[in-house]
Amino acid sequence: MTMKKPVAAVLAVLVLALSASSNAHEEATQDPTSSMDVPVAAQNATEVVDRFGAALQKADLATVEAILDPDVLILESGGAERNRKEYLGHHAPADAKFLKGAHIQKTHRTARRDGDLVWVGTESEVHTQKDGKPLTLL
């Protein structure tokens, strides 16, 4: 079964503020057939996003807490969690439980940096089980 349903840990867009570096405007050579569009200036941010996702999937909430800014805003399914404490106290444990054992395949990623602001958008295909039945989320 394939469903198009948002999952906070997979589809949330994380905006990370990073300090400017000397190569802030250097662009990566992009393969026109690649679904990954990440300039060199945004690569550090994508590594942080990947560390966050891996920590959440392992239920390593201490690392999730360390990565998230205290004032993070997480938008999901029409709702919002307005800071790190709220997310860790509500959805993070459920997101970790849902993602445990899931196979997550990135299908597309776009990232951009403008000064100190970096955004990363990642689309994924998540293969997991729910109620003993295979489930695929886009």
Protein backbone atom coordinates (compact mmCIF):
# COMPACT_ATOMS: atom_id res chain seq x y z
CA MET A 1 0.00 0.00 0.00
CA THR A 2 1.32 3.47 -0.87
CA MET A 3 0.11 6.51 1.01
CA LYS A 4 0.96 10.17 0.70
CA LYS A 5 0.88 11.26 4.33
CA PRO A 6 3.21 13.65 6.13
CA VAL A 7 5.44 12.21 8.84
CA ALA A 8 7.13 14.79 11.05
CA ALA A 9 10.54 13.17 11.19
CA VAL A 10 10.66 12.52 7.48
CA LEU A 11 8.94 15.49 5.91
CA ALA A 12 9.54 18.31 8.35
CA VAL A 13 11.70 21.05 6.95
CA LEU A 14 14.42 22.00 9.38
CA VAL A 15 15.85 25.47 9.08
CA LEU A 16 19.30 25.76 10.55
CA ALA A 17 21.19 28.98 11.21
CA LEU A 18 24.88 28.52 10.55
CA SER A 19 27.75 30.91 10.78
CA ALA A 20 29.04 32.26 7.49
CA SER A 21 32.13 30.70 6.03
CA SER A 22 34.56 31.78 3.36
CA ASN A 23 33.06 29.37 0.81
CA ALA A 24 29.46 30.42 1.45
CA HIS A 25 28.77 31.05 -2.24
CA GLU A 26 30.78 28.19 -3.76
CA GLU A 27 28.51 25.89 -5.74
CA ALA A 28 28.88 22.14 -6.14
CA THR A 29 29.04 20.65 -9.60
CA GLN A 30 25.61 19.14 -10.07
CA ASP A 31 24.91 15.99 -12.05
CA PRO A 32 21.86 16.85 -14.20
CA THR A 33 20.51 13.31 -13.65
CA SER A 34 20.89 13.53 -9.86
CA SER A 35 17.94 14.14 -7.60
CA MET A 36 20.22 15.80 -5.07
CA ASP A 37 20.68 19.55 -5.50
CA VAL A 38 23.01 20.57 -2.69
CA PRO A 39 25.63 23.28 -3.22
CA VAL A 40 28.91 22.99 -1.31
CA ALA A 41 27.86 25.89 0.92
CA ALA A 42 24.89 23.85 2.21
CA GLN A 43 26.60 20.48 2.66
CA ASN A 44 27.34 20.95 6.37
CA ALA A 45 23.63 21.59 6.98
CA THR A 46 22.62 18.41 5.16
CA GLU A 47 25.03 16.47 7.37
CA VAL A 48 23.29 17.91 10.45
CA VAL A 49 19.87 16.98 9.04
CA ASP A 50 21.11 13.44 8.35
CA ARG A 51 22.53 13.14 11.89
CA PHE A 52 19.16 14.31 13.27
CA GLY A 53 17.27 11.73 11.21
CA ALA A 54 19.63 8.91 12.18
CA ALA A 55 19.41 9.84 15.87
CA LEU A 56 15.61 9.95 15.74
CA GLN A 57 15.45 6.58 13.99
CA LYS A 58 17.71 5.09 16.71
CA ALA A 59 15.57 6.75 19.44
CA ASP A 60 18.69 8.63 20.56
CA LEU A 61 16.69 11.53 21.94
CA ALA A 62 19.73 12.99 23.71
CA THR A 63 21.34 13.58 20.31
CA VAL A 64 18.05 14.86 18.87
CA GLU A 65 17.91 17.33 21.75
CA ALA A 66 21.52 18.41 21.22
CA ILE A 67 20.93 19.04 17.51
CA LEU A 68 17.67 20.98 17.79
CA ASP A 69 17.68 24.65 18.66
CA PRO A 70 15.65 25.35 21.84
CA ASP A 71 13.33 27.59 19.78
CA VAL A 72 12.83 25.18 16.86
CA LEU A 73 9.44 25.26 15.12
CA ILE A 74 8.29 21.86 13.84
CA LEU A 75 5.31 21.86 11.48
CA GLU A 76 3.47 18.61 10.93
CA SER A 77 0.07 17.56 9.65
CA GLY A 78 -1.43 21.01 10.11
CA GLY A 79 -0.14 21.36 13.67
CA ALA A 80 2.97 22.82 15.26
CA GLU A 81 5.35 22.17 18.09
CA ARG A 82 6.84 25.50 18.97
CA ASN A 83 10.06 24.53 20.73
CA ARG A 84 12.46 21.67 21.41
CA LYS A 85 10.96 20.83 24.82
CA GLU A 86 7.47 20.53 23.35
CA TYR A 87 8.68 18.29 20.50
CA LEU A 88 10.72 16.04 22.80
CA GLY A 89 7.79 15.77 25.20
CA HIS A 90 5.20 14.92 22.57
CA HIS A 91 6.00 13.73 19.05
CA ALA A 92 9.70 12.80 19.20
CA PRO A 93 9.18 9.51 21.08
CA ALA A 94 6.31 8.51 18.77
CA ASP A 95 8.33 9.52 15.68
CA ALA A 96 11.27 7.42 16.93
CA LYS A 97 9.02 4.41 17.58
CA PHE A 98 7.45 4.72 14.12
CA LEU A 99 10.83 5.00 12.39
CA LYS A 100 12.48 2.13 14.28
CA GLY A 101 13.31 -0.55 11.75
CA ALA A 102 12.06 1.51 8.82
CA HIS A 103 14.01 1.61 5.57
CA ILE A 104 14.28 5.23 4.45
CA GLN A 105 15.40 6.04 0.92
CA LYS A 106 16.02 9.67 -0.01
CA THR A 107 14.43 10.39 -3.37
CA HIS A 108 15.16 14.10 -3.70
CA ARG A 109 16.99 16.76 -1.73
CA THR A 110 17.36 20.48 -2.29
CA ALA A 111 19.37 22.75 -0.02
CA ARG A 112 20.29 26.42 -0.21
CA ARG A 113 22.37 28.83 1.80
CA ASP A 114 21.98 32.58 1.93
CA GLY A 115 24.35 34.18 4.42
CA ASP A 116 23.76 32.61 7.82
CA LEU A 117 20.49 30.91 6.82
CA VAL A 118 20.44 27.39 5.37
CA TRP A 119 17.37 25.33 4.48
CA VAL A 120 17.22 21.68 3.53
CA GLY A 121 14.21 19.97 1.96
CA THR A 122 14.32 16.19 1.63
CA GLU A 123 11.76 13.89 0.05
CA SER A 124 11.95 10.24 1.07
CA GLU A 125 10.27 6.92 0.56
CA VAL A 126 9.72 5.20 3.91
CA HIS A 127 9.18 1.45 4.02
CA THR A 128 7.90 0.15 7.35
CA GLN A 129 5.19 -2.00 8.92
CA LYS A 130 1.97 -0.96 10.60
CA ASP A 131 -0.29 -3.48 12.27
CA GLY A 132 1.83 -6.26 10.73
CA LYS A 133 1.25 -5.01 7.18
CA PRO A 134 3.81 -3.40 4.86
CA LEU A 135 3.45 0.37 4.61
CA THR A 136 5.13 2.75 2.20
CA LEU A 137 4.99 6.49 2.77
CA LEU A 138 6.18 9.15 0.35
